[in-house]
Amino acid sequence: MMIDRFRYAIEVRDRTWFQDLAYNFFADNNMCMVWSQLAELSIPAISTTDFLYLRFIEPLHYTTLFVMRERFDSKIGLMTNP
């Protein structure tokens, strides 16, 4: 049983989870699907809650930050260039 006063973020690293069944489960239960930065796995830019959790696992290059910012901005409707 989940406690309502907490917010939950779930990190998925298996491609079989990247489907509507999982996205809908997370959204229905107010669980955030973590956006991870991994070279070998491309995490879909799916928002399942009203917040995002970004996880940078590998050493970052500035272009990685730019790409993550573009993905985030496009999901919430912001311009990528201020």
Protein backbone atom coordinates (compact mmCIF):
# COMPACT_ATOMS: atom_id res chain seq x y z
CA MET A 1 0.00 0.00 0.00
CA MET A 2 1.33 3.41 -0.95
CA ILE A 3 1.22 6.41 1.34
CA ASP A 4 -0.54 9.37 -0.32
CA ARG A 5 1.60 12.06 1.25
CA PHE A 6 4.71 10.75 -0.55
CA ARG A 7 5.57 11.12 -4.22
CA TYR A 8 7.03 8.12 -6.00
CA ALA A 9 9.49 7.86 -8.87
CA ILE A 10 10.13 4.53 -10.58
CA GLU A 11 13.24 3.96 -12.68
CA VAL A 12 12.82 1.42 -15.46
CA ARG A 13 15.82 -0.02 -17.29
CA ASP A 14 14.12 -2.79 -19.25
CA ARG A 15 12.71 -1.92 -22.69
CA THR A 16 9.70 -4.21 -22.17
CA TRP A 17 8.31 -1.65 -19.70
CA PHE A 18 8.15 1.07 -22.35
CA GLN A 19 4.54 0.48 -23.33
CA ASP A 20 1.10 1.93 -22.63
CA LEU A 21 0.27 -0.67 -19.97
CA ALA A 22 3.15 0.54 -17.75
CA TYR A 23 2.62 4.24 -18.54
CA ASN A 24 -1.06 3.98 -17.64
CA PHE A 25 -0.28 2.08 -14.42
CA PHE A 26 2.20 4.76 -13.36
CA ALA A 27 -0.18 7.59 -14.27
CA ASP A 28 -3.19 5.96 -12.58
CA ASN A 29 -1.14 5.54 -9.38
CA ASN A 30 0.55 8.96 -9.55
CA MET A 31 4.03 7.43 -10.00
CA CYS A 32 6.67 9.29 -11.96
CA MET A 33 8.58 7.33 -14.58
CA VAL A 34 12.21 8.44 -14.16
CA TRP A 35 14.00 9.88 -17.18
CA SER A 36 17.47 8.32 -17.01
CA GLN A 37 20.49 9.22 -19.09
CA LEU A 38 22.08 6.00 -20.33
CA ALA A 39 24.07 5.45 -23.52
CA GLU A 40 22.67 1.95 -24.10
CA LEU A 41 19.02 2.75 -23.37
CA SER A 42 16.81 5.50 -24.71
CA ILE A 43 14.11 6.38 -22.19
CA PRO A 44 10.91 7.63 -23.86
CA ALA A 45 9.88 11.18 -22.98
CA ILE A 46 6.67 10.10 -21.26
CA SER A 47 5.30 12.12 -18.34
CA THR A 48 3.14 10.12 -15.96
CA THR A 49 2.82 12.75 -13.22
CA ASP A 50 2.89 16.51 -12.78
CA PHE A 51 6.60 16.33 -11.87
CA LEU A 52 9.70 14.88 -13.52
CA TYR A 53 12.62 13.04 -11.98
CA LEU A 54 15.82 13.23 -14.03
CA ARG A 55 18.64 10.81 -13.21
CA PHE A 56 22.10 11.30 -14.67
CA ILE A 57 23.96 8.02 -14.24
CA GLU A 58 26.91 8.26 -16.58
CA PRO A 59 29.40 11.11 -16.92
CA LEU A 60 27.62 14.01 -18.55
CA HIS A 61 28.54 15.93 -21.60
CA TYR A 62 26.98 19.37 -22.03
CA THR A 63 25.04 18.15 -25.10
CA THR A 64 23.29 15.58 -22.87
CA LEU A 65 21.99 18.36 -20.66
CA PHE A 66 20.78 20.25 -23.73
CA VAL A 67 18.92 17.20 -25.07
CA MET A 68 17.30 16.53 -21.69
CA ARG A 69 16.24 20.18 -21.46
CA GLU A 70 14.67 19.99 -24.93
CA ARG A 71 12.75 16.86 -23.98
CA PHE A 72 11.54 18.46 -20.75
CA ASP A 73 10.58 21.75 -22.40
CA SER A 74 8.69 20.02 -25.20
CA LYS A 75 6.63 18.03 -22.66
CA ILE A 76 5.55 21.11 -20.72
CA GLY A 77 5.23 23.38 -23.72
CA LEU A 78 8.15 25.74 -23.10
CA MET A 79 10.44 27.22 -25.68
CA THR A 80 13.91 25.64 -25.66
CA ASN A 81 15.64 28.98 -26.27
CA PRO A 82 14.95 31.64 -23.62
